[in-house]
Amino acid sequence: MNLLILGATGPTGRHIVDLALQSGDTVTVLARRPEALEDLADRVTVVAGDATSHHDVAKAMIGQDVVISALGRSTSVRADDLFTRAAAAVIGAAKETGVARLVWLSSFGVGDTYKAASVMQKVAYSTFLRNIYANKALSEEAIRSSGLDWTLVYPTMLTKGPARGSYLVGERLPMKGNPTISRADVADFLYKAAHSTEWTHRDAVITD
């Protein structure tokens, strides 16, 4: 399969790249810092550009089967409209290039998933994560109405732990306290979702 990965230089995105290469997929990444992927120079196609640029995304999207977005704001609590701008660029480029499949990484607590959050989670989502979550919610409204074959993925708090290989996935999951999941396991699900139609036009909540 031909995969375009956005956010490939981030910790979750890099896990996806590694999984795809191990499985023999053809990988293209769009990166503002191509030098961050120098160790993969002979194994992936690196397109220098910005995921919020329609032109750059369309250039990278030519010939792809699936787009996986693992874009994030690292430790920042400000979205700076990253997710809405990236969604607009991806939707426009997808329609231009004819790529229909999109797997998009979000966060548990965004949009309707907030209703199922625990009290502890809601405190975090409605305070210091409020700006980022609001921007993510807007981006997902655009994706849902885009006509693309989308999957929206909502992991609980991300950790740097190793992949466990087993995790809970559902459109709705009960929450207690502040559950977590490793970035490696999230990458595993994103990758598998990209190769299946099971989660097309569905929300996937994921946690340990």
C-alpha atoms as a PDB file:
ATOM      1  CA  MET A   1       0.000   0.000   0.000  1.00  0.00           C
ATOM      2  CA  ASN A   2       1.121   3.563  -0.645  1.00  0.00           C
ATOM      3  CA  LEU A   3       0.912   5.578   2.578  1.00  0.00           C
ATOM      4  CA  LEU A   4       1.292   9.292   3.183  1.00  0.00           C
ATOM      5  CA  ILE A   5       2.076   9.991   6.828  1.00  0.00           C
ATOM      6  CA  LEU A   6       1.660  13.453   8.319  1.00  0.00           C
ATOM      7  CA  GLY A   7       3.385  14.153  11.617  1.00  0.00           C
ATOM      8  CA  ALA A   8       5.975  11.459  10.863  1.00  0.00           C
ATOM      9  CA  THR A   9       8.714  13.215  12.813  1.00  0.00           C
ATOM     10  CA  GLY A  10       6.647  13.128  16.000  1.00  0.00           C
ATOM     11  CA  PRO A  11       6.812  10.218  18.464  1.00  0.00           C
ATOM     12  CA  THR A  12       3.569   8.561  17.327  1.00  0.00           C
ATOM     13  CA  GLY A  13       4.187   9.233  13.663  1.00  0.00           C
ATOM     14  CA  ARG A  14       7.613   7.666  13.759  1.00  0.00           C
ATOM     15  CA  HIS A  15       6.112   4.460  15.162  1.00  0.00           C
ATOM     16  CA  ILE A  16       3.712   4.393  12.188  1.00  0.00           C
ATOM     17  CA  VAL A  17       6.570   4.849   9.731  1.00  0.00           C
ATOM     18  CA  ASP A  18       8.472   1.966  11.298  1.00  0.00           C
ATOM     19  CA  LEU A  19       5.421  -0.321  11.209  1.00  0.00           C
ATOM     20  CA  ALA A  20       4.753   0.508   7.567  1.00  0.00           C
ATOM     21  CA  LEU A  21       8.336  -0.163   6.533  1.00  0.00           C
ATOM     22  CA  GLN A  22       8.408  -3.444   8.440  1.00  0.00           C
ATOM     23  CA  SER A  23       5.288  -4.512   6.549  1.00  0.00           C
ATOM     24  CA  GLY A  24       6.629  -3.570   3.130  1.00  0.00           C
ATOM     25  CA  ASP A  25       4.463  -0.537   2.399  1.00  0.00           C
ATOM     26  CA  THR A  26       5.667   2.346   0.264  1.00  0.00           C
ATOM     27  CA  VAL A  27       5.946   5.337   2.592  1.00  0.00           C
ATOM     28  CA  THR A  28       5.864   9.044   1.845  1.00  0.00           C
ATOM     29  CA  VAL A  29       6.162  11.619   4.589  1.00  0.00           C
ATOM     30  CA  LEU A  30       5.516  15.345   4.506  1.00  0.00           C
ATOM     31  CA  ALA A  31       7.837  17.105   6.924  1.00  0.00           C
ATOM     32  CA  ARG A  32       8.866  20.652   7.738  1.00  0.00           C
ATOM     33  CA  ARG A  33      12.160  19.218   8.989  1.00  0.00           C
ATOM     34  CA  PRO A  34      13.227  16.535   6.487  1.00  0.00           C
ATOM     35  CA  GLU A  35      16.579  16.282   8.253  1.00  0.00           C
ATOM     36  CA  ALA A  36      14.783  14.613  11.169  1.00  0.00           C
ATOM     37  CA  LEU A  37      14.305  11.575   8.943  1.00  0.00           C
ATOM     38  CA  GLU A  38      17.823  11.346   7.524  1.00  0.00           C
ATOM     39  CA  ASP A  39      18.227   7.837   8.912  1.00  0.00           C
ATOM     40  CA  LEU A  40      15.396   6.714   6.615  1.00  0.00           C
ATOM     41  CA  ALA A  41      16.541   8.589   3.516  1.00  0.00           C
ATOM     42  CA  ASP A  42      16.880   5.442   1.403  1.00  0.00           C
ATOM     43  CA  ARG A  43      13.652   3.855   2.637  1.00  0.00           C
ATOM     44  CA  VAL A  44      10.992   6.574   2.492  1.00  0.00           C
ATOM     45  CA  THR A  45      10.119   9.431   0.178  1.00  0.00           C
ATOM     46  CA  VAL A  46      10.443  12.657   2.111  1.00  0.00           C
ATOM     47  CA  VAL A  47       8.578  15.694   0.789  1.00  0.00           C
ATOM     48  CA  ALA A  48       9.624  18.963   2.382  1.00  0.00           C
ATOM     49  CA  GLY A  49       6.566  21.006   3.256  1.00  0.00           C
ATOM     50  CA  ASP A  50       3.892  22.019   5.707  1.00  0.00           C
ATOM     51  CA  ALA A  51       0.808  19.966   6.557  1.00  0.00           C
ATOM     52  CA  THR A  52      -1.276  23.164   6.651  1.00  0.00           C
ATOM     53  CA  SER A  53      -0.400  24.024   3.040  1.00  0.00           C
ATOM     54  CA  HIS A  54      -2.829  22.778   0.390  1.00  0.00           C
ATOM     55  CA  HIS A  55      -0.065  22.910  -2.210  1.00  0.00           C
ATOM     56  CA  ASP A  56       2.420  20.922  -0.135  1.00  0.00           C
ATOM     57  CA  VAL A  57      -0.109  18.294   0.947  1.00  0.00           C
ATOM     58  CA  ALA A  58      -1.406  17.823  -2.609  1.00  0.00           C
ATOM     59  CA  LYS A  59       2.133  17.356  -3.889  1.00  0.00           C
ATOM     60  CA  ALA A  60       2.801  14.645  -1.319  1.00  0.00           C
ATOM     61  CA  MET A  61      -0.615  13.016  -1.795  1.00  0.00           C
ATOM     62  CA  ILE A  62      -0.227  12.172  -5.494  1.00  0.00           C
ATOM     63  CA  GLY A  63      -0.335   8.400  -5.972  1.00  0.00           C
ATOM     64  CA  GLN A  64      -1.219   7.574  -2.373  1.00  0.00           C
ATOM     65  CA  ASP A  65      -3.805   5.039  -1.202  1.00  0.00           C
ATOM     66  CA  VAL A  66      -4.244   6.318   2.351  1.00  0.00           C
ATOM     67  CA  VAL A  67      -3.331   9.387   4.395  1.00  0.00           C
ATOM     68  CA  ILE A  68      -2.559   8.890   8.084  1.00  0.00           C
ATOM     69  CA  SER A  69      -2.317  12.015  10.193  1.00  0.00           C
ATOM     70  CA  ALA A  70      -0.479  11.872  13.515  1.00  0.00           C
ATOM     71  CA  LEU A  71      -0.140  15.631  13.812  1.00  0.00           C
ATOM     72  CA  GLY A  72       0.175  17.051  17.300  1.00  0.00           C
ATOM     73  CA  ARG A  73       1.333  20.054  19.266  1.00  0.00           C
ATOM     74  CA  SER A  74       3.883  18.254  21.427  1.00  0.00           C
ATOM     75  CA  THR A  75       3.835  19.885  24.865  1.00  0.00           C
ATOM     76  CA  SER A  76       2.120  23.091  23.771  1.00  0.00           C
ATOM     77  CA  VAL A  77      -1.345  23.867  25.133  1.00  0.00           C
ATOM     78  CA  ARG A  78      -2.112  26.212  22.221  1.00  0.00           C
ATOM     79  CA  ALA A  79      -3.411  24.843  18.943  1.00  0.00           C
ATOM     80  CA  ASP A  80      -2.488  27.871  16.816  1.00  0.00           C
ATOM     81  CA  ASP A  81      -5.172  26.565  14.448  1.00  0.00           C
ATOM     82  CA  LEU A  82      -2.917  23.662  13.419  1.00  0.00           C
ATOM     83  CA  PHE A  83      -5.694  21.098  13.203  1.00  0.00           C
ATOM     84  CA  THR A  84      -8.263  23.210  11.377  1.00  0.00           C
ATOM     85  CA  ARG A  85      -5.683  24.409   8.864  1.00  0.00           C
ATOM     86  CA  ALA A  86      -4.302  20.917   8.334  1.00  0.00           C
ATOM     87  CA  ALA A  87      -7.785  19.443   7.905  1.00  0.00           C
ATOM     88  CA  ALA A  88      -8.642  22.063   5.291  1.00  0.00           C
ATOM     89  CA  ALA A  89      -5.407  21.346   3.417  1.00  0.00           C
ATOM     90  CA  VAL A  90      -5.907  17.579   3.526  1.00  0.00           C
ATOM     91  CA  ILE A  91      -9.561  17.715   2.475  1.00  0.00           C
ATOM     92  CA  GLY A  92      -8.820  20.024  -0.429  1.00  0.00           C
ATOM     93  CA  ALA A  93      -5.798  18.031  -1.562  1.00  0.00           C
ATOM     94  CA  ALA A  94      -7.668  14.727  -1.258  1.00  0.00           C
ATOM     95  CA  LYS A  95     -10.414  15.935  -3.540  1.00  0.00           C
ATOM     96  CA  GLU A  96      -7.853  17.277  -5.982  1.00  0.00           C
ATOM     97  CA  THR A  97      -5.831  14.056  -6.103  1.00  0.00           C
ATOM     98  CA  GLY A  98      -8.674  11.557  -5.726  1.00  0.00           C
ATOM     99  CA  VAL A  99      -7.422  10.055  -2.467  1.00  0.00           C
ATOM    100  CA  ALA A 100     -10.429   9.064  -0.367  1.00  0.00           C
ATOM    101  CA  ARG A 101      -9.073   7.270   2.727  1.00  0.00           C
ATOM    102  CA  LEU A 102      -8.051   9.304   5.769  1.00  0.00           C
ATOM    103  CA  VAL A 103      -7.095   8.069   9.243  1.00  0.00           C
ATOM    104  CA  TRP A 104      -6.895  11.035  11.614  1.00  0.00           C
ATOM    105  CA  LEU A 105      -5.439  11.017  15.111  1.00  0.00           C
ATOM    106  CA  SER A 106      -7.408  13.062  17.643  1.00  0.00           C
ATOM    107  CA  SER A 107      -7.599  12.864  21.460  1.00  0.00           C
ATOM    108  CA  PHE A 108     -10.128  11.362  23.813  1.00  0.00           C
ATOM    109  CA  GLY A 109     -12.293  14.147  25.213  1.00  0.00           C
ATOM    110  CA  VAL A 110     -12.683  15.965  21.908  1.00  0.00           C
ATOM    111  CA  GLY A 111     -16.212  16.468  20.627  1.00  0.00           C
ATOM    112  CA  ASP A 112     -18.800  13.911  21.709  1.00  0.00           C
ATOM    113  CA  THR A 113     -16.197  11.775  23.487  1.00  0.00           C
ATOM    114  CA  TYR A 114     -16.132  14.395  26.260  1.00  0.00           C
ATOM    115  CA  LYS A 115     -19.469  13.079  27.512  1.00  0.00           C
ATOM    116  CA  ALA A 116     -17.962   9.696  28.395  1.00  0.00           C
ATOM    117  CA  ALA A 117     -14.911  11.147  30.159  1.00  0.00           C
ATOM    118  CA  SER A 118     -14.293  10.646  33.856  1.00  0.00           C
ATOM    119  CA  VAL A 119     -14.424  13.599  36.237  1.00  0.00           C
ATOM    120  CA  MET A 120     -10.626  13.694  36.373  1.00  0.00           C
ATOM    121  CA  GLN A 121     -10.381  13.722  32.578  1.00  0.00           C
ATOM    122  CA  LYS A 122     -13.004  16.461  32.194  1.00  0.00           C
ATOM    123  CA  VAL A 123     -11.047  18.761  34.488  1.00  0.00           C
ATOM    124  CA  ALA A 124      -7.997  18.542  32.223  1.00  0.00           C
ATOM    125  CA  TYR A 125      -9.992  18.777  28.990  1.00  0.00           C
ATOM    126  CA  SER A 126     -11.920  21.855  30.061  1.00  0.00           C
ATOM    127  CA  THR A 127      -8.939  23.779  31.479  1.00  0.00           C
ATOM    128  CA  PHE A 128      -5.398  23.636  30.143  1.00  0.00           C
ATOM    129  CA  LEU A 129      -6.294  21.504  27.084  1.00  0.00           C
ATOM    130  CA  ARG A 130      -9.330  23.597  26.207  1.00  0.00           C
ATOM    131  CA  ASN A 131      -7.769  25.545  23.319  1.00  0.00           C
ATOM    132  CA  ILE A 132      -6.296  22.530  21.585  1.00  0.00           C
ATOM    133  CA  TYR A 133      -9.445  20.458  22.021  1.00  0.00           C
ATOM    134  CA  ALA A 134     -11.649  23.220  20.615  1.00  0.00           C
ATOM    135  CA  ASN A 135      -9.508  23.413  17.491  1.00  0.00           C
ATOM    136  CA  LYS A 136      -9.482  19.643  17.107  1.00  0.00           C
ATOM    137  CA  ALA A 137     -13.282  19.568  17.374  1.00  0.00           C
ATOM    138  CA  LEU A 138     -13.629  22.111  14.579  1.00  0.00           C
ATOM    139  CA  SER A 139     -11.234  20.180  12.354  1.00  0.00           C
ATOM    140  CA  GLU A 140     -13.215  17.000  12.864  1.00  0.00           C
ATOM    141  CA  GLU A 141     -16.484  18.644  11.947  1.00  0.00           C
ATOM    142  CA  ALA A 142     -14.897  19.485   8.607  1.00  0.00           C
ATOM    143  CA  ILE A 143     -13.582  15.951   8.163  1.00  0.00           C
ATOM    144  CA  ARG A 144     -16.950  14.363   8.925  1.00  0.00           C
ATOM    145  CA  SER A 145     -18.661  16.463   6.269  1.00  0.00           C
ATOM    146  CA  SER A 146     -15.837  16.139   3.712  1.00  0.00           C
ATOM    147  CA  GLY A 147     -17.136  13.118   1.821  1.00  0.00           C
ATOM    148  CA  LEU A 148     -13.866  11.281   2.507  1.00  0.00           C
ATOM    149  CA  ASP A 149     -13.626   7.764   3.916  1.00  0.00           C
ATOM    150  CA  TRP A 150     -12.454   8.936   7.323  1.00  0.00           C
ATOM    151  CA  THR A 151     -11.654   7.258  10.611  1.00  0.00           C
ATOM    152  CA  LEU A 152     -11.208   9.438  13.704  1.00  0.00           C
ATOM    153  CA  VAL A 153      -9.090   7.931  16.463  1.00  0.00           C
ATOM    154  CA  TYR A 154      -9.409   9.048  20.102  1.00  0.00           C
ATOM    155  CA  PRO A 155      -6.665   7.714  22.391  1.00  0.00           C
ATOM    156  CA  THR A 156      -6.574   8.415  26.107  1.00  0.00           C
ATOM    157  CA  MET A 157      -3.458   9.952  27.680  1.00  0.00           C
ATOM    158  CA  LEU A 158      -0.409   9.022  25.625  1.00  0.00           C
ATOM    159  CA  THR A 159       2.692   7.465  27.164  1.00  0.00           C
ATOM    160  CA  LYS A 160       6.146   6.603  25.868  1.00  0.00           C
ATOM    161  CA  GLY A 161       5.871   3.013  27.015  1.00  0.00           C
ATOM    162  CA  PRO A 162       6.442  -0.014  24.780  1.00  0.00           C
ATOM    163  CA  ALA A 163       3.677  -1.554  22.724  1.00  0.00           C
ATOM    164  CA  ARG A 164       1.604  -4.035  24.689  1.00  0.00           C
ATOM    165  CA  GLY A 165      -0.052  -5.382  21.572  1.00  0.00           C
ATOM    166  CA  SER A 166      -3.428  -5.506  23.286  1.00  0.00           C
ATOM    167  CA  TYR A 167      -5.729  -2.588  23.999  1.00  0.00           C
ATOM    168  CA  LEU A 168      -9.395  -1.690  24.121  1.00  0.00           C
ATOM    169  CA  VAL A 169     -11.083  -0.193  21.064  1.00  0.00           C
ATOM    170  CA  GLY A 170     -14.694   0.852  20.676  1.00  0.00           C
ATOM    171  CA  GLU A 171     -16.900   3.659  19.507  1.00  0.00           C
ATOM    172  CA  ARG A 172     -17.664   4.265  23.188  1.00  0.00           C
ATOM    173  CA  LEU A 173     -15.722   3.000  26.193  1.00  0.00           C
ATOM    174  CA  PRO A 174     -16.373   3.553  29.912  1.00  0.00           C
ATOM    175  CA  MET A 175     -13.726   5.640  31.622  1.00  0.00           C
ATOM    176  CA  LYS A 176     -12.485   5.722  35.203  1.00  0.00           C
ATOM    177  CA  GLY A 177      -9.716   7.917  36.585  1.00  0.00           C
ATOM    178  CA  ASN A 178      -7.133   8.880  33.982  1.00  0.00           C
ATOM    179  CA  PRO A 179      -6.418   5.884  31.719  1.00  0.00           C
ATOM    180  CA  THR A 180      -3.441   5.792  29.375  1.00  0.00           C
ATOM    181  CA  ILE A 181      -2.167   4.092  26.241  1.00  0.00           C
ATOM    182  CA  SER A 182       1.294   3.980  24.712  1.00  0.00           C
ATOM    183  CA  ARG A 183       2.048   5.859  21.516  1.00  0.00           C
ATOM    184  CA  ALA A 184       3.340   2.584  20.103  1.00  0.00           C
ATOM    185  CA  ASP A 185      -0.056   0.917  20.565  1.00  0.00           C
ATOM    186  CA  VAL A 186      -1.851   3.941  19.111  1.00  0.00           C
ATOM    187  CA  ALA A 187       0.400   3.740  16.063  1.00  0.00           C
ATOM    188  CA  ASP A 188      -0.441   0.052  15.751  1.00  0.00           C
ATOM    189  CA  PHE A 189      -4.149   0.831  15.594  1.00  0.00           C
ATOM    190  CA  LEU A 190      -3.720   3.741  13.170  1.00  0.00           C
ATOM    191  CA  TYR A 191      -1.719   1.516  10.880  1.00  0.00           C
ATOM    192  CA  LYS A 192      -4.198  -1.345  11.039  1.00  0.00           C
ATOM    193  CA  ALA A 193      -7.148   0.996  10.483  1.00  0.00           C
ATOM    194  CA  ALA A 194      -5.478   2.309   7.343  1.00  0.00           C
ATOM    195  CA  HIS A 195      -5.374  -1.216   5.930  1.00  0.00           C
ATOM    196  CA  SER A 196      -8.982  -2.102   6.736  1.00  0.00           C
ATOM    197  CA  THR A 197     -12.481  -0.815   6.065  1.00  0.00           C
ATOM    198  CA  GLU A 198     -13.736  -1.867   9.509  1.00  0.00           C
ATOM    199  CA  TRP A 199     -13.465   1.622  11.011  1.00  0.00           C
ATOM    200  CA  THR A 200     -14.418   3.674   7.962  1.00  0.00           C
ATOM    201  CA  HIS A 201     -16.850   6.476   8.902  1.00  0.00           C
ATOM    202  CA  ARG A 202     -16.490   5.543  12.564  1.00  0.00           C
ATOM    203  CA  ASP A 203     -14.968   6.964  15.724  1.00  0.00           C
ATOM    204  CA  ALA A 204     -12.440   4.719  17.472  1.00  0.00           C
ATOM    205  CA  VAL A 205     -11.798   5.302  21.170  1.00  0.00           C
ATOM    206  CA  ILE A 206      -8.647   3.490  22.243  1.00  0.00           C
ATOM    207  CA  THR A 207      -7.117   2.848  25.671  1.00  0.00           C
ATOM    208  CA  ASP A 208      -5.282   0.197  27.691  1.00  0.00           C
END
